[in-house]
Amino acid sequence: EGLGCLWLEVTDLKRSMAFYRDGLRFSFDGGNHAGHVANLRAGDLKVVLNQSESESCRGRGVAISVEVTGVGAGRSFVVADPDGYEWRFIQSLT
């Protein structure tokens, strides 16, 4: 039925919240675990940001593509979050 949840490990929760909530306009849907986890929503998609101390290779090997309306003449664009996760927004063809 589609992607329901996306879990992303982040290095700085406040910085990532600013990117997703203020920059991409995802809505805040609560948080927990002593301020180390934030839940956000974009339509039906739930995005969980988890602040981790691990120095793993965040953002590598992950491709996130979202169909949207209103992108305009460019038809698609890519933004990278503070931890290197790239989001591609593509104009829906329907």
PDB file of N, CA and C in Angstrom:
ATOM      1  N   GLU A   1       0.811  -1.214   0.000  1.00  0.00           N
ATOM      2  CA  GLU A   1       0.000   0.000   0.000  1.00  0.00           C
ATOM      3  C   GLU A   1       0.844   1.263   0.000  1.00  0.00           C
ATOM      4  N   GLY A   2       2.148   1.113  -0.025  1.00  0.00           N
ATOM      5  CA  GLY A   2       3.010   2.290  -0.062  1.00  0.00           C
ATOM      6  C   GLY A   2       3.899   2.378   1.160  1.00  0.00           C
ATOM      7  N   LEU A   3       4.861   3.241   1.078  1.00  0.00           N
ATOM      8  CA  LEU A   3       5.804   3.464   2.158  1.00  0.00           C
ATOM      9  C   LEU A   3       5.103   4.161   3.306  1.00  0.00           C
ATOM     10  N   GLY A   4       5.209   3.591   4.502  1.00  0.00           N
ATOM     11  CA  GLY A   4       4.524   4.175   5.650  1.00  0.00           C
ATOM     12  C   GLY A   4       5.422   4.936   6.592  1.00  0.00           C
ATOM     13  N   CYS A   5       6.697   4.497   6.715  1.00  0.00           N
ATOM     14  CA  CYS A   5       7.594   5.119   7.670  1.00  0.00           C
ATOM     15  C   CYS A   5       9.027   5.083   7.148  1.00  0.00           C
ATOM     16  N   LEU A   6       9.744   6.143   7.406  1.00  0.00           N
ATOM     17  CA  LEU A   6      11.142   6.246   7.051  1.00  0.00           C
ATOM     18  C   LEU A   6      11.906   6.642   8.305  1.00  0.00           C
ATOM     19  N   TRP A   7      12.893   5.838   8.719  1.00  0.00           N
ATOM     20  CA  TRP A   7      13.695   6.077   9.926  1.00  0.00           C
ATOM     21  C   TRP A   7      15.051   6.594   9.485  1.00  0.00           C
ATOM     22  N   LEU A   8      15.443   7.779   9.968  1.00  0.00           N
ATOM     23  CA  LEU A   8      16.723   8.357   9.601  1.00  0.00           C
ATOM     24  C   LEU A   8      17.560   8.625  10.848  1.00  0.00           C
ATOM     25  N   GLU A   9      18.797   8.128  10.852  1.00  0.00           N
ATOM     26  CA  GLU A   9      19.750   8.419  11.921  1.00  0.00           C
ATOM     27  C   GLU A   9      20.345   9.800  11.642  1.00  0.00           C
ATOM     28  N   VAL A  10      20.341  10.689  12.631  1.00  0.00           N
ATOM     29  CA  VAL A  10      20.855  12.049  12.457  1.00  0.00           C
ATOM     30  C   VAL A  10      21.867  12.368  13.557  1.00  0.00           C
ATOM     31  N   THR A  11      22.745  13.324  13.280  1.00  0.00           N
ATOM     32  CA  THR A  11      23.755  13.696  14.266  1.00  0.00           C
ATOM     33  C   THR A  11      23.284  14.806  15.206  1.00  0.00           C
ATOM     34  N   ASP A  12      22.399  15.672  14.732  1.00  0.00           N
ATOM     35  CA  ASP A  12      21.934  16.808  15.528  1.00  0.00           C
ATOM     36  C   ASP A  12      20.433  16.969  15.291  1.00  0.00           C
ATOM     37  N   LEU A  13      19.631  16.558  16.256  1.00  0.00           N
ATOM     38  CA  LEU A  13      18.175  16.544  16.087  1.00  0.00           C
ATOM     39  C   LEU A  13      17.618  17.945  15.844  1.00  0.00           C
ATOM     40  N   LYS A  14      18.091  18.942  16.559  1.00  0.00           N
ATOM     41  CA  LYS A  14      17.581  20.303  16.371  1.00  0.00           C
ATOM     42  C   LYS A  14      17.859  20.810  14.955  1.00  0.00           C
ATOM     43  N   ARG A  15      19.048  20.556  14.464  1.00  0.00           N
ATOM     44  CA  ARG A  15      19.406  20.982  13.106  1.00  0.00           C
ATOM     45  C   ARG A  15      18.554  20.257  12.071  1.00  0.00           C
ATOM     46  N   SER A  16      18.350  18.948  12.264  1.00  0.00           N
ATOM     47  CA  SER A  16      17.528  18.175  11.336  1.00  0.00           C
ATOM     48  C   SER A  16      16.073  18.602  11.400  1.00  0.00           C
ATOM     49  N   MET A  17      15.574  18.907  12.599  1.00  0.00           N
ATOM     50  CA  MET A  17      14.196  19.399  12.724  1.00  0.00           C
ATOM     51  C   MET A  17      14.019  20.701  11.951  1.00  0.00           C
ATOM     52  N   ALA A  18      14.999  21.577  12.030  1.00  0.00           N
ATOM     53  CA  ALA A  18      14.915  22.841  11.290  1.00  0.00           C
ATOM     54  C   ALA A  18      14.832  22.570   9.788  1.00  0.00           C
ATOM     55  N   PHE A  19      15.611  21.604   9.296  1.00  0.00           N
ATOM     56  CA  PHE A  19      15.594  21.267   7.878  1.00  0.00           C
ATOM     57  C   PHE A  19      14.245  20.701   7.458  1.00  0.00           C
ATOM     58  N   TYR A  20      13.757  19.692   8.177  1.00  0.00           N
ATOM     59  CA  TYR A  20      12.525  19.003   7.774  1.00  0.00           C
ATOM     60  C   TYR A  20      11.261  19.801   8.098  1.00  0.00           C
ATOM     61  N   ARG A  21      11.168  20.353   9.292  1.00  0.00           N
ATOM     62  CA  ARG A  21       9.952  21.070   9.678  1.00  0.00           C
ATOM     63  C   ARG A  21       9.906  22.459   9.051  1.00  0.00           C
ATOM     64  N   ASP A  22      10.986  23.207   9.195  1.00  0.00           N
ATOM     65  CA  ASP A  22      10.980  24.593   8.728  1.00  0.00           C
ATOM     66  C   ASP A  22      11.317  24.707   7.238  1.00  0.00           C
ATOM     67  N   GLY A  23      12.234  23.866   6.753  1.00  0.00           N
ATOM     68  CA  GLY A  23      12.640  23.936   5.353  1.00  0.00           C
ATOM     69  C   GLY A  23      11.696  23.201   4.416  1.00  0.00           C
ATOM     70  N   LEU A  24      11.459  21.912   4.691  1.00  0.00           N
ATOM     71  CA  LEU A  24      10.591  21.113   3.818  1.00  0.00           C
ATOM     72  C   LEU A  24       9.119  21.162   4.229  1.00  0.00           C
ATOM     73  N   ARG A  25       8.828  21.767   5.361  1.00  0.00           N
ATOM     74  CA  ARG A  25       7.453  21.950   5.860  1.00  0.00           C
ATOM     75  C   ARG A  25       6.760  20.650   6.248  1.00  0.00           C
ATOM     76  N   PHE A  26       7.527  19.661   6.729  1.00  0.00           N
ATOM     77  CA  PHE A  26       6.919  18.468   7.307  1.00  0.00           C
ATOM     78  C   PHE A  26       6.300  18.886   8.628  1.00  0.00           C
ATOM     79  N   SER A  27       5.208  18.263   9.016  1.00  0.00           N
ATOM     80  CA  SER A  27       4.573  18.629  10.275  1.00  0.00           C
ATOM     81  C   SER A  27       5.130  17.788  11.421  1.00  0.00           C
ATOM     82  N   PHE A  28       5.305  18.418  12.579  1.00  0.00           N
ATOM     83  CA  PHE A  28       5.807  17.737  13.771  1.00  0.00           C
ATOM     84  C   PHE A  28       4.681  16.892  14.351  1.00  0.00           C
ATOM     85  N   ASP A  29       4.990  15.635  14.641  1.00  0.00           N
ATOM     86  CA  ASP A  29       3.972  14.682  15.107  1.00  0.00           C
ATOM     87  C   ASP A  29       4.349  14.075  16.461  1.00  0.00           C
ATOM     88  N   GLY A  30       5.210  14.748  17.215  1.00  0.00           N
ATOM     89  CA  GLY A  30       5.598  14.288  18.543  1.00  0.00           C
ATOM     90  C   GLY A  30       7.034  13.805  18.604  1.00  0.00           C
ATOM     91  N   GLY A  31       7.470  13.520  19.808  1.00  0.00           N
ATOM     92  CA  GLY A  31       8.824  13.040  20.027  1.00  0.00           C
ATOM     93  C   GLY A  31       8.889  12.276  21.337  1.00  0.00           C
ATOM     94  N   ASN A  32      10.027  11.628  21.584  1.00  0.00           N
ATOM     95  CA  ASN A  32      10.191  10.875  22.819  1.00  0.00           C
ATOM     96  C   ASN A  32      11.657  10.538  23.057  1.00  0.00           C
ATOM     97  N   HIS A  33      11.910   9.588  23.930  1.00  0.00           N
ATOM     98  CA  HIS A  33      13.257   9.113  24.253  1.00  0.00           C
ATOM     99  C   HIS A  33      14.187  10.256  24.655  1.00  0.00           C
ATOM    100  N   ALA A  34      13.782  11.011  25.660  1.00  0.00           N
ATOM    101  CA  ALA A  34      14.613  12.079  26.228  1.00  0.00           C
ATOM    102  C   ALA A  34      15.085  13.081  25.172  1.00  0.00           C
ATOM    103  N   GLY A  35      14.222  13.393  24.230  1.00  0.00           N
ATOM    104  CA  GLY A  35      14.560  14.389  23.221  1.00  0.00           C
ATOM    105  C   GLY A  35      15.475  13.910  22.119  1.00  0.00           C
ATOM    106  N   HIS A  36      15.639  12.603  21.958  1.00  0.00           N
ATOM    107  CA  HIS A  36      16.519  12.069  20.913  1.00  0.00           C
ATOM    108  C   HIS A  36      15.755  11.559  19.692  1.00  0.00           C
ATOM    109  N   VAL A  37      14.424  11.577  19.736  1.00  0.00           N
ATOM    110  CA  VAL A  37      13.610  11.098  18.617  1.00  0.00           C
ATOM    111  C   VAL A  37      12.511  12.114  18.333  1.00  0.00           C
ATOM    112  N   ALA A  38      12.300  12.391  17.052  1.00  0.00           N
ATOM    113  CA  ALA A  38      11.208  13.266  16.631  1.00  0.00           C
ATOM    114  C   ALA A  38      10.450  12.577  15.504  1.00  0.00           C
ATOM    115  N   ASN A  39       9.138  12.649  15.570  1.00  0.00           N
ATOM    116  CA  ASN A  39       8.270  12.089  14.530  1.00  0.00           C
ATOM    117  C   ASN A  39       7.710  13.237  13.708  1.00  0.00           C
ATOM    118  N   LEU A  40       7.801  13.104  12.394  1.00  0.00           N
ATOM    119  CA  LEU A  40       7.289  14.110  11.479  1.00  0.00           C
ATOM    120  C   LEU A  40       6.376  13.439  10.473  1.00  0.00           C
ATOM    121  N   ARG A  41       5.550  14.229   9.801  1.00  0.00           N
ATOM    122  CA  ARG A  41       4.650  13.705   8.779  1.00  0.00           C
ATOM    123  C   ARG A  41       4.713  14.577   7.539  1.00  0.00           C
ATOM    124  N   ALA A  42       4.604  13.882   6.396  1.00  0.00           N
ATOM    125  CA  ALA A  42       4.449  14.530   5.098  1.00  0.00           C
ATOM    126  C   ALA A  42       3.368  13.732   4.389  1.00  0.00           C
ATOM    127  N   GLY A  43       2.136  14.194   4.459  1.00  0.00           N
ATOM    128  CA  GLY A  43       1.018  13.406   3.941  1.00  0.00           C
ATOM    129  C   GLY A  43       0.880  12.133   4.747  1.00  0.00           C
ATOM    130  N   ASP A  44       0.855  10.981   4.071  1.00  0.00           N
ATOM    131  CA  ASP A  44       0.751   9.693   4.757  1.00  0.00           C
ATOM    132  C   ASP A  44       2.097   9.164   5.237  1.00  0.00           C
ATOM    133  N   LEU A  45       3.186   9.802   4.838  1.00  0.00           N
ATOM    134  CA  LEU A  45       4.514   9.322   5.191  1.00  0.00           C
ATOM    135  C   LEU A  45       4.916   9.817   6.575  1.00  0.00           C
ATOM    136  N   LYS A  46       5.322   8.885   7.435  1.00  0.00           N
ATOM    137  CA  LYS A  46       5.862   9.224   8.745  1.00  0.00           C
ATOM    138  C   LYS A  46       7.378   9.159   8.644  1.00  0.00           C
ATOM    139  N   VAL A  47       8.067  10.205   9.091  1.00  0.00           N
ATOM    140  CA  VAL A  47       9.521  10.245   9.100  1.00  0.00           C
ATOM    141  C   VAL A  47       9.968  10.341  10.552  1.00  0.00           C
ATOM    142  N   VAL A  48      10.784   9.383  10.980  1.00  0.00           N
ATOM    143  CA  VAL A  48      11.306   9.362  12.339  1.00  0.00           C
ATOM    144  C   VAL A  48      12.769   9.784  12.280  1.00  0.00           C
ATOM    145  N   LEU A  49      13.100  10.840  13.022  1.00  0.00           N
ATOM    146  CA  LEU A  49      14.483  11.282  13.138  1.00  0.00           C
ATOM    147  C   LEU A  49      15.018  10.795  14.470  1.00  0.00           C
ATOM    148  N   ASN A  50      16.112  10.052  14.456  1.00  0.00           N
ATOM    149  CA  ASN A  50      16.705   9.498  15.666  1.00  0.00           C
ATOM    150  C   ASN A  50      18.127  10.019  15.809  1.00  0.00           C
ATOM    151  N   GLN A  51      18.354  10.833  16.847  1.00  0.00           N
ATOM    152  CA  GLN A  51      19.702  11.338  17.071  1.00  0.00           C
ATOM    153  C   GLN A  51      20.562  10.213  17.616  1.00  0.00           C
ATOM    154  N   SER A  52      21.673   9.954  16.946  1.00  0.00           N
ATOM    155  CA  SER A  52      22.549   8.853  17.301  1.00  0.00           C
ATOM    156  C   SER A  52      23.980   9.355  17.454  1.00  0.00           C
ATOM    157  N   GLU A  53      24.693   8.784  18.391  1.00  0.00           N
ATOM    158  CA  GLU A  53      26.096   9.132  18.594  1.00  0.00           C
ATOM    159  C   GLU A  53      27.001   8.376  17.630  1.00  0.00           C
ATOM    160  N   SER A  54      26.465   7.379  16.938  1.00  0.00           N
ATOM    161  CA  SER A  54      27.245   6.542  16.036  1.00  0.00           C
ATOM    162  C   SER A  54      27.810   7.374  14.891  1.00  0.00           C
ATOM    163  N   GLU A  55      29.015   7.073  14.492  1.00  0.00           N
ATOM    164  CA  GLU A  55      29.652   7.756  13.367  1.00  0.00           C
ATOM    165  C   GLU A  55      29.523   6.936  12.084  1.00  0.00           C
ATOM    166  N   SER A  56      28.383   6.279  11.904  1.00  0.00           N
ATOM    167  CA  SER A  56      28.166   5.469  10.704  1.00  0.00           C
ATOM    168  C   SER A  56      28.110   6.357   9.461  1.00  0.00           C
ATOM    169  N   CYS A  57      28.057   5.757   8.307  1.00  0.00           N
ATOM    170  CA  CYS A  57      28.016   6.486   7.032  1.00  0.00           C
ATOM    171  C   CYS A  57      26.586   6.906   6.729  1.00  0.00           C
ATOM    172  N   ARG A  58      26.123   7.914   7.398  1.00  0.00           N
ATOM    173  CA  ARG A  58      24.753   8.374   7.194  1.00  0.00           C
ATOM    174  C   ARG A  58      24.575   8.875   5.767  1.00  0.00           C
ATOM    175  N   GLY A  59      23.412   8.596   5.211  1.00  0.00           N
ATOM    176  CA  GLY A  59      23.055   9.138   3.906  1.00  0.00           C
ATOM    177  C   GLY A  59      23.593   8.379   2.711  1.00  0.00           C
ATOM    178  N   ARG A  60      24.517   7.463   2.905  1.00  0.00           N
ATOM    179  CA  ARG A  60      25.091   6.733   1.771  1.00  0.00           C
ATOM    180  C   ARG A  60      24.230   5.529   1.439  1.00  0.00           C
ATOM    181  N   GLY A  61      24.047   5.293   0.161  1.00  0.00           N
ATOM    182  CA  GLY A  61      23.291   4.126  -0.265  1.00  0.00           C
ATOM    183  C   GLY A  61      21.792   4.260  -0.108  1.00  0.00           C
ATOM    184  N   VAL A  62      21.315   5.458   0.182  1.00  0.00           N
ATOM    185  CA  VAL A  62      19.886   5.688   0.362  1.00  0.00           C
ATOM    186  C   VAL A  62      19.410   6.648  -0.721  1.00  0.00           C
ATOM    187  N   ALA A  63      18.352   6.275  -1.436  1.00  0.00           N
ATOM    188  CA  ALA A  63      17.748   7.156  -2.435  1.00  0.00           C
ATOM    189  C   ALA A  63      16.289   7.350  -2.064  1.00  0.00           C
ATOM    190  N   ILE A  64      15.898   8.578  -1.835  1.00  0.00           N
ATOM    191  CA  ILE A  64      14.529   8.899  -1.452  1.00  0.00           C
ATOM    192  C   ILE A  64      13.929   9.765  -2.550  1.00  0.00           C
ATOM    193  N   SER A  65      12.827   9.314  -3.126  1.00  0.00           N
ATOM    194  CA  SER A  65      12.177  10.040  -4.200  1.00  0.00           C
ATOM    195  C   SER A  65      10.704  10.215  -3.847  1.00  0.00           C
ATOM    196  N   VAL A  66      10.214  11.437  -3.984  1.00  0.00           N
ATOM    197  CA  VAL A  66       8.839  11.765  -3.614  1.00  0.00           C
ATOM    198  C   VAL A  66       8.157  12.428  -4.803  1.00  0.00           C
ATOM    199  N   GLU A  67       6.996  11.910  -5.200  1.00  0.00           N
ATOM    200  CA  GLU A  67       6.215  12.570  -6.250  1.00  0.00           C
ATOM    201  C   GLU A  67       5.423  13.704  -5.632  1.00  0.00           C
ATOM    202  N   VAL A  68       5.466  14.853  -6.292  1.00  0.00           N
ATOM    203  CA  VAL A  68       4.764  16.041  -5.811  1.00  0.00           C
ATOM    204  C   VAL A  68       4.072  16.738  -6.978  1.00  0.00           C
ATOM    205  N   THR A  69       3.234  17.700  -6.660  1.00  0.00           N
ATOM    206  CA  THR A  69       2.645  18.567  -7.671  1.00  0.00           C
ATOM    207  C   THR A  69       3.193  19.972  -7.450  1.00  0.00           C
ATOM    208  N   GLY A  70       3.160  20.780  -8.479  1.00  0.00           N
ATOM    209  CA  GLY A  70       3.565  22.174  -8.341  1.00  0.00           C
ATOM    210  C   GLY A  70       5.062  22.428  -8.370  1.00  0.00           C
ATOM    211  N   VAL A  71       5.848  21.482  -8.853  1.00  0.00           N
ATOM    212  CA  VAL A  71       7.296  21.702  -8.941  1.00  0.00           C
ATOM    213  C   VAL A  71       7.603  22.726 -10.024  1.00  0.00           C
ATOM    214  N   GLY A  72       6.825  22.706 -11.093  1.00  0.00           N
ATOM    215  CA  GLY A  72       6.994  23.693 -12.146  1.00  0.00           C
ATOM    216  C   GLY A  72       7.867  23.189 -13.275  1.00  0.00           C
ATOM    217  N   ALA A  73       8.477  24.148 -13.960  1.00  0.00           N
ATOM    218  CA  ALA A  73       9.195  23.841 -15.195  1.00  0.00           C
ATOM    219  C   ALA A  73      10.366  22.879 -15.000  1.00  0.00           C
ATOM    220  N   GLY A  74      10.995  22.899 -13.844  1.00  0.00           N
ATOM    221  CA  GLY A  74      12.149  22.041 -13.625  1.00  0.00           C
ATOM    222  C   GLY A  74      11.818  20.570 -13.567  1.00  0.00           C
ATOM    223  N   ARG A  75      10.605  20.221 -13.252  1.00  0.00           N
ATOM    224  CA  ARG A  75      10.088  18.862 -13.160  1.00  0.00           C
ATOM    225  C   ARG A  75      10.688  18.062 -12.017  1.00  0.00           C
ATOM    226  N   SER A  76      11.877  18.385 -11.533  1.00  0.00           N
ATOM    227  CA  SER A  76      12.421  17.707 -10.364  1.00  0.00           C
ATOM    228  C   SER A  76      13.539  18.543  -9.753  1.00  0.00           C
ATOM    229  N   PHE A  77      13.800  18.304  -8.482  1.00  0.00           N
ATOM    230  CA  PHE A  77      14.938  18.935  -7.824  1.00  0.00           C
ATOM    231  C   PHE A  77      15.371  18.057  -6.657  1.00  0.00           C
ATOM    232  N   VAL A  78      16.596  18.234  -6.229  1.00  0.00           N
ATOM    233  CA  VAL A  78      17.177  17.427  -5.162  1.00  0.00           C
ATOM    234  C   VAL A  78      17.660  18.346  -4.051  1.00  0.00           C
ATOM    235  N   VAL A  79      17.385  17.973  -2.801  1.00  0.00           N
ATOM    236  CA  VAL A  79      17.941  18.662  -1.638  1.00  0.00           C
ATOM    237  C   VAL A  79      18.580  17.615  -0.740  1.00  0.00           C
ATOM    238  N   ALA A  80      19.620  18.006  -0.040  1.00  0.00           N
ATOM    239  CA  ALA A  80      20.289  17.103   0.901  1.00  0.00           C
ATOM    240  C   ALA A  80      20.094  17.645   2.305  1.00  0.00           C
ATOM    241  N   ASP A  81      19.766  16.748   3.249  1.00  0.00           N
ATOM    242  CA  ASP A  81      19.599  17.174   4.630  1.00  0.00           C
ATOM    243  C   ASP A  81      20.974  17.317   5.286  1.00  0.00           C
ATOM    244  N   PRO A  82      21.038  17.804   6.526  1.00  0.00           N
ATOM    245  CA  PRO A  82      22.319  18.033   7.182  1.00  0.00           C
ATOM    246  C   PRO A  82      23.199  16.786   7.342  1.00  0.00           C
ATOM    247  N   ASP A  83      22.621  15.587   7.257  1.00  0.00           N
ATOM    248  CA  ASP A  83      23.397  14.362   7.396  1.00  0.00           C
ATOM    249  C   ASP A  83      23.694  13.680   6.062  1.00  0.00           C
ATOM    250  N   GLY A  84      23.342  14.336   4.959  1.00  0.00           N
ATOM    251  CA  GLY A  84      23.677  13.815   3.648  1.00  0.00           C
ATOM    252  C   GLY A  84      22.603  12.986   2.965  1.00  0.00           C
ATOM    253  N   TYR A  85      21.432  12.824   3.586  1.00  0.00           N
ATOM    254  CA  TYR A  85      20.338  12.115   2.925  1.00  0.00           C
ATOM    255  C   TYR A  85      19.797  13.001   1.807  1.00  0.00           C
ATOM    256  N   GLU A  86      19.749  12.467   0.592  1.00  0.00           N
ATOM    257  CA  GLU A  86      19.250  13.242  -0.546  1.00  0.00           C
ATOM    258  C   GLU A  86      17.796  12.916  -0.817  1.00  0.00           C
ATOM    259  N   TRP A  87      16.994  13.953  -0.960  1.00  0.00           N
ATOM    260  CA  TRP A  87      15.568  13.832  -1.283  1.00  0.00           C
ATOM    261  C   TRP A  87      15.371  14.385  -2.688  1.00  0.00           C
ATOM    262  N   ARG A  88      14.825  13.578  -3.590  1.00  0.00           N
ATOM    263  CA  ARG A  88      14.495  14.022  -4.940  1.00  0.00           C
ATOM    264  C   ARG A  88      12.987  14.219  -5.003  1.00  0.00           C
ATOM    265  N   PHE A  89      12.566  15.426  -5.363  1.00  0.00           N
ATOM    266  CA  PHE A  89      11.154  15.743  -5.528  1.00  0.00           C
ATOM    267  C   PHE A  89      10.876  15.806  -7.023  1.00  0.00           C
ATOM    268  N   ILE A  90       9.917  15.000  -7.475  1.00  0.00           N
ATOM    269  CA  ILE A  90       9.627  14.845  -8.903  1.00  0.00           C
ATOM    270  C   ILE A  90       8.190  15.237  -9.167  1.00  0.00           C
ATOM    271  N   GLN A  91       7.982  16.044 -10.198  1.00  0.00           N
ATOM    272  CA  GLN A  91       6.624  16.412 -10.610  1.00  0.00           C
ATOM    273  C   GLN A  91       5.859  15.165 -11.017  1.00  0.00           C
ATOM    274  N   SER A  92       4.713  14.928 -10.418  1.00  0.00           N
ATOM    275  CA  SER A  92       3.871  13.794 -10.772  1.00  0.00           C
ATOM    276  C   SER A  92       3.392  13.945 -12.205  1.00  0.00           C
ATOM    277  N   LEU A  93       3.415  12.841 -12.945  1.00  0.00           N
ATOM    278  CA  LEU A  93       2.985  12.892 -14.345  1.00  0.00           C
ATOM    279  C   LEU A  93       1.473  12.720 -14.496  1.00  0.00           C
ATOM    280  N   THR A  94       0.783  12.413 -13.406  1.00  0.00           N
ATOM    281  CA  THR A  94      -0.669  12.245 -13.475  1.00  0.00           C
ATOM    282  C   THR A  94      -1.407  13.456 -12.993  1.00  0.00           C
TER     283      THR A  94
END
